[in-house]
Amino acid sequence: MRRTNPAIDIETRSNVYDLKKHWEALLDVVPNPNPFSSWEWLVAWWEHFGVDNIRVRPYFLIIREEKEVVGIVPLYFWQPHKSWSRSEFRVAGNYGWHGGGTEEPIFLVKPGKESLVAEAVFSYLHNGQHGEQWDLAKIAWQQQPTNLEEISFRFLGRLTQQEGRQIVALPDSWKSYRARLSKSMKSNLSYYPHRLEKAGHSFRVRFLDTPETIGEGIDHLIRLHRQRAKSRRGPRHIDHLGSARNTAFVSKRLAHLAQNNQACVALLEINGAVVAAQAYLRKGPELVFYYSGFETKWYDFSPLTILTAEIIKKAIKDGVTRLNFLTHPTPFRLRWNTTTETTIYIAYIVRSHPRAFVAHILEMMRQTFSRIVGRGPEAVPEA
């Protein structure tokens, strides 16, 4: 047990299974939890991306205030192949592993304690209490601690800020929701299906949401996601399913969630062939859009616009009251009348190794250039 200030205790553990009791207790008080924040998702993420990887070492922090658990932050040390960096310190989740099957950093904080937990974690790292040598810490913080910027400037590094979850509060009918959209978007919803029909194409949408059927949907999803990522048309798309590890994780997670009616892959068929796929997750009243893909030869017919509209229509009928398009206000997401719910802060903390500092500066320059030319990760229109 180590102490950062008289009011806060930080306990460290190395076994993810030891966290279950505290994790589930915190999850009960978190507003609008999605599948990414569940205990099952954390364990599955760690089993796929950490436990059998010799370059990864776990470091789980349990933060207590007056003996009450107010935060759990699963961290890990990662040893990259690159010679300039001996070790990196990261948060579990998408920002902890490129394309790691999760769109948000994985941690839990009791509402109202965001700043307290953030300060405890950053001070813990800054003071070197973990006893490990690392060169670069990349700590993503989805919740919104008010003083995180102040905290970050205690370090040699950089804090970036990105708009977080893109949320839609759904009314009780498709007609009411459609009326909220912009004039151009309403026009698109009619134009693309009509264009397909005018060109002599027939189409339909299938929803595969049972353990027996979702496997077919997953196969199409992987194929179409990879195909879209290779396309040079439109904004850049990242191939999140480019490795066997990522593919295995997503396939297993979707199949498992389908057993509890929490996952679906929607398919758009044109002339009897599957040309687009959109996976989504469901937890309570919230629907979370996950990975997608489409055949690029149908790009001019905007297949994901057609498919997304049908998903939303079904969601409203099924009682969904909240859509989660995940992070970044990309043009595709904004067209569905999303609002930003949270802000993501990513602190790049550099120390110890001069070559790590130089590499960090070069990486920041590359990201800045990518944003300027519109080819960076924030240009990705769909997850």
Protein backbone atom coordinates (compact mmCIF):
# COMPACT_ATOMS: atom_id res chain seq x y z
CA MET A 1 0.00 0.00 0.00
CA ARG A 2 1.36 3.43 -0.97
CA ARG A 3 0.02 6.84 -0.10
CA THR A 4 0.04 9.95 -2.34
CA ASN A 5 -1.58 12.26 0.24
CA PRO A 6 -3.17 11.74 3.67
CA ALA A 7 -6.67 11.28 2.21
CA ILE A 8 -5.82 8.86 -0.60
CA ASP A 9 -4.53 5.30 -0.61
CA ILE A 10 -3.36 3.55 -3.78
CA GLU A 11 -3.15 -0.22 -3.77
CA THR A 12 -1.43 -2.05 -6.60
CA ARG A 13 -2.29 -5.51 -7.87
CA SER A 14 -0.98 -7.65 -10.69
CA ASN A 15 -3.88 -10.10 -11.07
CA VAL A 16 -6.88 -8.81 -13.01
CA TYR A 17 -9.19 -11.36 -11.38
CA ASP A 18 -8.57 -9.76 -7.97
CA LEU A 19 -10.43 -6.64 -9.18
CA LYS A 20 -13.85 -8.19 -9.77
CA LYS A 21 -15.53 -7.31 -6.46
CA HIS A 22 -14.47 -3.67 -6.52
CA TRP A 23 -15.04 -3.32 -10.28
CA GLU A 24 -18.64 -4.50 -10.16
CA ALA A 25 -19.40 -2.34 -7.13
CA LEU A 26 -18.13 0.78 -8.96
CA LEU A 27 -19.93 -0.17 -12.17
CA ASP A 28 -23.24 -0.08 -10.29
CA VAL A 29 -22.87 3.68 -9.67
CA VAL A 30 -21.45 4.71 -13.08
CA PRO A 31 -24.06 6.50 -15.23
CA ASN A 32 -24.77 5.05 -18.69
CA PRO A 33 -22.31 2.14 -18.57
CA ASN A 34 -21.68 0.47 -21.93
CA PRO A 35 -20.26 -2.99 -22.67
CA PHE A 36 -16.70 -1.61 -22.79
CA SER A 37 -16.89 -0.79 -19.08
CA SER A 38 -18.10 -4.21 -17.96
CA TRP A 39 -16.01 -6.64 -15.92
CA GLU A 40 -16.34 -9.28 -18.64
CA TRP A 41 -14.95 -6.90 -21.27
CA LEU A 42 -11.96 -5.97 -19.10
CA VAL A 43 -11.07 -9.61 -18.48
CA ALA A 44 -11.49 -10.53 -22.14
CA TRP A 45 -9.35 -7.58 -23.22
CA TRP A 46 -6.59 -8.58 -20.84
CA GLU A 47 -6.71 -12.25 -21.81
CA HIS A 48 -6.36 -11.38 -25.51
CA PHE A 49 -3.92 -8.47 -25.36
CA GLY A 50 -1.92 -8.94 -22.22
CA VAL A 51 -1.72 -12.25 -20.47
CA ASP A 52 0.18 -14.17 -23.17
CA ASN A 53 2.28 -11.28 -24.43
CA ILE A 54 5.81 -11.30 -23.07
CA ARG A 55 6.21 -7.58 -23.78
CA VAL A 56 3.27 -6.61 -21.53
CA ARG A 57 3.21 -6.43 -17.73
CA PRO A 58 0.03 -5.54 -15.77
CA TYR A 59 -0.20 -2.84 -13.16
CA PHE A 60 -3.67 -2.35 -11.67
CA LEU A 61 -4.31 0.59 -9.34
CA ILE A 62 -7.12 0.67 -6.78
CA ILE A 63 -7.64 4.21 -5.46
CA ARG A 64 -9.37 4.65 -2.10
CA GLU A 65 -10.59 7.77 -0.33
CA GLU A 66 -11.28 7.27 3.37
CA LYS A 67 -11.13 3.48 2.75
CA GLU A 68 -13.84 3.70 0.03
CA VAL A 69 -12.84 2.54 -3.47
CA VAL A 70 -13.39 5.51 -5.78
CA GLY A 71 -11.38 4.44 -8.82
CA ILE A 72 -9.81 1.44 -10.54
CA VAL A 73 -7.29 2.07 -13.31
CA PRO A 74 -5.92 -0.96 -15.21
CA LEU A 75 -2.48 0.05 -16.48
CA TYR A 76 0.35 -1.89 -18.01
CA PHE A 77 3.96 -1.55 -19.05
CA TRP A 78 4.57 -2.24 -22.70
CA GLN A 79 7.95 -2.88 -24.28
CA PRO A 80 7.83 -1.82 -27.93
CA HIS A 81 10.07 -3.28 -30.59
CA LYS A 82 11.52 0.15 -31.36
CA SER A 83 14.97 0.66 -29.94
CA TRP A 84 14.44 4.28 -28.97
CA SER A 85 11.96 3.48 -26.21
CA ARG A 86 12.72 0.96 -23.47
CA SER A 87 9.25 0.95 -21.96
CA GLU A 88 5.85 2.66 -22.21
CA PHE A 89 3.15 2.99 -19.58
CA ARG A 90 -0.44 2.85 -20.84
CA VAL A 91 -4.09 2.50 -19.88
CA ALA A 92 -5.90 -0.67 -20.96
CA GLY A 93 -8.18 -0.18 -23.94
CA ASN A 94 -7.95 1.34 -27.38
CA TYR A 95 -5.47 4.03 -26.40
CA GLY A 96 -3.38 1.43 -24.69
CA TRP A 97 -3.11 -0.84 -27.70
CA HIS A 98 -3.48 0.36 -31.27
CA GLY A 99 -6.70 -1.08 -32.61
CA GLY A 100 -7.20 -3.14 -29.46
CA GLY A 101 -10.87 -3.93 -29.95
CA THR A 102 -12.06 -1.16 -27.61
CA GLU A 103 -12.98 2.41 -28.47
CA GLU A 104 -12.46 3.91 -25.01
CA PRO A 105 -9.83 3.64 -22.28
CA ILE A 106 -10.95 1.06 -19.73
CA PHE A 107 -11.18 2.29 -16.16
CA LEU A 108 -13.86 3.16 -13.61
CA VAL A 109 -14.22 6.22 -11.42
CA LYS A 110 -16.98 7.05 -8.97
CA PRO A 111 -18.99 10.07 -10.22
CA GLY A 112 -17.69 13.28 -8.69
CA LYS A 113 -14.26 11.80 -7.97
CA GLU A 114 -12.74 12.20 -11.45
CA SER A 115 -10.27 14.94 -10.50
CA LEU A 116 -9.26 13.22 -7.28
CA VAL A 117 -8.51 9.92 -9.04
CA ALA A 118 -6.74 11.62 -11.96
CA GLU A 119 -4.49 13.56 -9.62
CA ALA A 120 -3.75 10.43 -7.60
CA VAL A 121 -2.73 8.44 -10.70
CA PHE A 122 -0.62 11.20 -12.23
CA SER A 123 1.09 11.98 -8.93
CA TYR A 124 1.74 8.29 -8.42
CA LEU A 125 3.53 8.11 -11.76
CA HIS A 126 5.32 11.40 -11.28
CA ASN A 127 6.72 10.34 -7.91
CA GLY A 128 7.98 7.04 -9.31
CA GLN A 129 6.17 5.02 -6.67
CA HIS A 130 5.63 2.12 -9.08
CA GLY A 131 9.34 1.37 -9.00
CA GLU A 132 9.58 0.73 -12.75
CA GLN A 133 11.69 2.39 -15.42
CA TRP A 134 9.68 3.80 -18.28
CA ASP A 135 10.30 6.42 -20.93
CA LEU A 136 6.85 7.41 -22.16
CA ALA A 137 3.46 7.30 -20.43
CA LYS A 138 0.34 7.68 -22.60
CA ILE A 139 -2.56 8.05 -20.20
CA ALA A 140 -6.02 8.51 -21.74
CA TRP A 141 -8.78 9.91 -19.54
CA GLN A 142 -12.32 9.70 -20.91
CA GLN A 143 -14.05 11.28 -17.93
CA GLN A 144 -13.57 14.96 -17.29
CA PRO A 145 -11.39 15.91 -14.32
CA THR A 146 -11.54 19.69 -14.03
CA ASN A 147 -7.88 20.13 -13.11
CA LEU A 148 -6.26 17.57 -15.42
CA GLU A 149 -4.52 20.27 -17.45
CA GLU A 150 -3.00 21.69 -14.28
CA ILE A 151 -1.91 18.21 -13.24
CA SER A 152 -0.29 17.45 -16.59
CA PHE A 153 2.03 20.44 -16.51
CA ARG A 154 3.93 18.93 -13.59
CA PHE A 155 5.52 16.65 -16.16
CA LEU A 156 7.77 17.00 -19.15
CA GLY A 157 5.28 16.09 -21.83
CA ARG A 158 2.13 17.18 -23.58
CA LEU A 159 -1.62 17.05 -23.01
CA THR A 160 -3.91 16.66 -26.02
CA GLN A 161 -7.65 17.12 -25.92
CA GLN A 162 -10.18 15.41 -28.18
CA GLU A 163 -13.95 15.49 -28.14
CA GLY A 164 -15.28 12.24 -26.77
CA ARG A 165 -18.47 10.20 -27.03
CA GLN A 166 -20.90 11.35 -29.72
CA ILE A 167 -24.38 10.77 -28.27
CA VAL A 168 -27.93 10.98 -29.61
CA ALA A 169 -30.94 11.05 -27.29
CA LEU A 170 -33.63 9.25 -29.27
CA PRO A 171 -37.30 10.25 -29.32
CA ASP A 172 -40.04 7.62 -29.41
CA SER A 173 -40.48 7.55 -33.19
CA TRP A 174 -38.38 7.55 -36.36
CA LYS A 175 -40.51 10.41 -37.72
CA SER A 176 -39.63 12.61 -34.73
CA TYR A 177 -35.94 11.74 -34.96
CA ARG A 178 -35.79 12.35 -38.71
CA ALA A 179 -37.35 15.77 -38.22
CA ARG A 180 -34.36 16.78 -36.07
CA LEU A 181 -31.84 16.11 -38.82
CA SER A 182 -30.51 18.73 -41.21
CA LYS A 183 -32.22 19.33 -44.51
CA SER A 184 -29.34 17.78 -46.44
CA MET A 185 -29.31 14.67 -44.23
CA LYS A 186 -33.04 14.16 -44.61
CA SER A 187 -32.53 14.44 -48.35
CA ASN A 188 -29.75 11.83 -48.24
CA LEU A 189 -31.96 9.36 -46.38
CA SER A 190 -34.36 9.40 -49.32
CA TYR A 191 -31.82 9.91 -52.09
CA TYR A 192 -29.52 6.90 -51.66
CA PRO A 193 -32.23 4.18 -51.46
CA HIS A 194 -34.02 5.82 -54.39
CA ARG A 195 -30.77 5.93 -56.37
CA LEU A 196 -30.25 2.22 -55.85
CA GLU A 197 -33.77 1.44 -56.99
CA LYS A 198 -33.50 3.78 -59.98
CA ALA A 199 -30.31 1.98 -61.05
CA GLY A 200 -32.22 -1.31 -61.01
CA HIS A 201 -30.77 -2.68 -57.77
CA SER A 202 -32.78 -4.40 -55.06
CA PHE A 203 -31.64 -4.27 -51.45
CA ARG A 204 -32.56 -5.44 -47.98
CA VAL A 205 -31.15 -5.34 -44.43
CA ARG A 206 -30.67 -8.38 -42.22
CA PHE A 207 -30.03 -8.33 -38.46
CA LEU A 208 -27.95 -11.22 -37.12
CA ASP A 209 -28.19 -11.13 -33.33
CA THR A 210 -28.32 -14.70 -32.05
CA PRO A 211 -25.45 -17.07 -31.18
CA GLU A 212 -26.49 -19.24 -34.14
CA THR A 213 -26.47 -16.46 -36.75
CA ILE A 214 -23.98 -13.82 -35.63
CA GLY A 215 -21.00 -15.87 -36.82
CA GLU A 216 -22.01 -15.24 -40.45
CA GLY A 217 -22.27 -11.54 -39.71
CA ILE A 218 -18.83 -11.46 -38.08
CA ASP A 219 -17.24 -13.08 -41.14
CA HIS A 220 -18.76 -10.41 -43.41
CA LEU A 221 -17.79 -7.67 -40.96
CA ILE A 222 -14.12 -8.68 -40.94
CA ARG A 223 -13.97 -8.99 -44.73
CA LEU A 224 -15.69 -5.68 -45.42
CA HIS A 225 -13.87 -3.78 -42.68
CA ARG A 226 -10.52 -4.78 -44.15
CA GLN A 227 -11.65 -3.94 -47.67
CA ARG A 228 -12.75 -0.47 -46.65
CA ALA A 229 -9.48 0.15 -44.82
CA LYS A 230 -7.55 -0.53 -48.04
CA SER A 231 -9.60 1.90 -50.07
CA ARG A 232 -8.15 5.24 -51.14
CA ARG A 233 -11.58 6.80 -51.59
CA GLY A 234 -12.85 9.18 -48.93
CA PRO A 235 -11.25 9.75 -45.52
CA ARG A 236 -8.58 7.45 -44.24
CA HIS A 237 -9.81 4.33 -42.43
CA ILE A 238 -7.81 2.37 -39.88
CA ASP A 239 -7.87 -1.42 -40.14
CA HIS A 240 -8.80 -2.35 -36.58
CA LEU A 241 -9.11 -6.02 -37.55
CA GLY A 242 -5.80 -6.42 -39.33
CA SER A 243 -4.24 -8.89 -36.89
CA ALA A 244 -5.24 -12.38 -35.80
CA ARG A 245 -5.25 -11.19 -32.17
CA ASN A 246 -7.72 -8.37 -32.85
CA THR A 247 -9.93 -10.54 -35.04
CA ALA A 248 -10.09 -13.28 -32.41
CA PHE A 249 -10.97 -10.78 -29.70
CA VAL A 250 -13.79 -9.10 -31.65
CA SER A 251 -15.21 -12.41 -32.87
CA LYS A 252 -15.29 -13.93 -29.41
CA ARG A 253 -16.71 -10.81 -27.77
CA LEU A 254 -19.55 -10.37 -30.26
CA ALA A 255 -20.46 -14.06 -30.08
CA HIS A 256 -20.48 -13.95 -26.27
CA LEU A 257 -22.59 -10.78 -26.09
CA ALA A 258 -25.08 -12.23 -28.58
CA GLN A 259 -25.92 -14.89 -25.99
CA ASN A 260 -27.41 -12.11 -23.85
CA ASN A 261 -28.97 -10.11 -26.71
CA GLN A 262 -26.25 -7.46 -26.42
CA ALA A 263 -24.61 -7.69 -29.86
CA CYS A 264 -25.76 -7.65 -33.46
CA VAL A 265 -24.24 -7.41 -36.94
CA ALA A 266 -26.52 -5.69 -39.44
CA LEU A 267 -25.92 -6.56 -43.10
CA LEU A 268 -26.91 -4.61 -46.20
CA GLU A 269 -27.52 -6.86 -49.21
CA ILE A 270 -27.69 -5.49 -52.75
CA ASN A 271 -28.90 -7.88 -55.44
CA GLY A 272 -28.55 -10.70 -52.93
CA ALA A 273 -24.88 -10.02 -52.08
CA VAL A 274 -23.67 -8.59 -48.75
CA VAL A 275 -22.02 -5.22 -49.44
CA ALA A 276 -21.97 -3.54 -46.01
CA ALA A 277 -21.83 -4.59 -42.36
CA GLN A 278 -22.25 -2.66 -39.12
CA ALA A 279 -21.72 -4.25 -35.71
CA TYR A 280 -23.38 -2.70 -32.71
CA LEU A 281 -23.67 -3.44 -29.00
CA ARG A 282 -26.64 -3.01 -26.70
CA LYS A 283 -26.65 -2.48 -22.94
CA GLY A 284 -29.89 -1.38 -21.35
CA PRO A 285 -31.33 1.62 -23.20
CA GLU A 286 -28.06 2.38 -25.02
CA LEU A 287 -26.96 1.20 -28.46
CA VAL A 288 -23.23 1.50 -29.24
CA PHE A 289 -22.04 1.54 -32.85
CA TYR A 290 -18.95 -0.66 -33.20
CA TYR A 291 -16.87 -1.66 -36.23
CA SER A 292 -18.18 -1.47 -39.78
CA GLY A 293 -17.17 -2.00 -43.40
CA PHE A 294 -18.44 -1.95 -46.96
CA GLU A 295 -17.49 -2.84 -50.52
CA THR A 296 -15.91 0.27 -51.91
CA LYS A 297 -17.42 -0.15 -55.37
CA TRP A 298 -20.72 0.91 -53.76
CA TYR A 299 -19.17 4.04 -52.26
CA ASP A 300 -21.31 6.41 -54.34
CA PHE A 301 -24.48 4.84 -52.91
CA SER A 302 -23.39 5.49 -49.29
CA PRO A 303 -24.21 1.99 -48.03
CA LEU A 304 -23.45 2.81 -44.39
CA THR A 305 -25.93 5.69 -44.46
CA ILE A 306 -28.64 3.30 -45.61
CA LEU A 307 -27.61 0.67 -43.08
CA THR A 308 -27.32 3.08 -40.15
CA ALA A 309 -30.79 4.49 -40.82
CA GLU A 310 -32.31 1.01 -40.70
CA ILE A 311 -30.47 0.24 -37.47
CA ILE A 312 -31.81 3.40 -35.84
CA LYS A 313 -35.36 2.64 -37.00
CA LYS A 314 -35.14 -0.81 -35.40
CA ALA A 315 -33.51 0.59 -32.26
CA ILE A 316 -36.39 3.01 -31.69
CA LYS A 317 -38.92 0.18 -32.08
CA ASP A 318 -36.91 -1.90 -29.59
CA GLY A 319 -36.99 0.83 -26.94
CA VAL A 320 -33.47 2.22 -27.31
CA THR A 321 -33.32 5.80 -26.00
CA ARG A 322 -29.63 6.59 -26.48
CA LEU A 323 -27.21 6.12 -29.39
CA ASN A 324 -23.47 6.09 -28.79
CA PHE A 325 -21.40 6.73 -31.93
CA LEU A 326 -18.20 6.57 -29.84
CA THR A 327 -15.44 9.15 -30.00
CA HIS A 328 -14.59 12.04 -32.34
CA PRO A 329 -17.16 14.35 -34.01
CA THR A 330 -16.45 13.19 -37.57
CA PRO A 331 -18.69 14.45 -40.40
CA PHE A 332 -20.45 11.07 -40.67
CA ARG A 333 -21.38 11.10 -36.99
CA LEU A 334 -22.39 14.76 -36.87
CA ARG A 335 -24.88 14.16 -39.68
CA TRP A 336 -26.90 12.03 -37.25
CA ASN A 337 -27.29 15.04 -34.93
CA THR A 338 -24.87 13.90 -32.25
CA THR A 339 -23.70 15.94 -29.28
CA THR A 340 -20.41 15.55 -27.42
CA GLU A 341 -20.89 14.03 -23.98
CA THR A 342 -17.33 13.84 -22.70
CA THR A 343 -13.83 14.99 -23.52
CA ILE A 344 -10.84 12.68 -23.89
CA TYR A 345 -7.56 13.90 -22.47
CA ILE A 346 -4.39 12.10 -23.48
CA ALA A 347 -1.30 12.95 -21.48
CA TYR A 348 2.02 12.15 -23.12
CA ILE A 349 4.51 12.09 -20.27
CA VAL A 350 8.17 11.75 -21.19
CA ARG A 351 11.10 11.08 -18.93
CA SER A 352 14.38 9.19 -18.45
CA HIS A 353 15.50 8.44 -21.98
CA PRO A 354 16.65 11.25 -24.33
CA ARG A 355 15.89 9.19 -27.41
CA ALA A 356 12.32 8.67 -26.15
CA PHE A 357 11.89 12.44 -25.87
CA VAL A 358 13.14 12.99 -29.45
CA ALA A 359 10.87 10.24 -30.75
CA HIS A 360 7.94 11.77 -28.86
CA ILE A 361 8.49 15.15 -30.53
CA LEU A 362 8.68 13.51 -33.96
CA GLU A 363 5.44 11.63 -33.27
CA MET A 364 3.68 14.86 -32.27
CA MET A 365 4.89 16.51 -35.49
CA ARG A 366 3.57 13.57 -37.50
CA GLN A 367 0.16 13.78 -35.83
CA THR A 368 -0.03 17.53 -36.39
CA PHE A 369 0.80 17.07 -40.08
CA SER A 370 -1.82 14.31 -40.37
CA ARG A 371 -4.51 16.58 -38.95
CA ILE A 372 -3.55 19.40 -41.31
CA VAL A 373 -3.83 17.23 -44.42
CA GLY A 374 -6.96 15.49 -43.12
CA ARG A 375 -5.51 11.99 -43.05
CA GLY A 376 -5.20 11.46 -39.30
CA PRO A 377 -7.26 9.18 -37.05
CA GLU A 378 -9.81 11.93 -36.41
CA ALA A 379 -10.72 11.76 -40.11
CA VAL A 380 -12.16 8.27 -39.71
CA PRO A 381 -15.93 8.62 -40.28
CA GLU A 382 -17.05 5.35 -38.74
CA ALA A 383 -15.60 3.05 -36.11
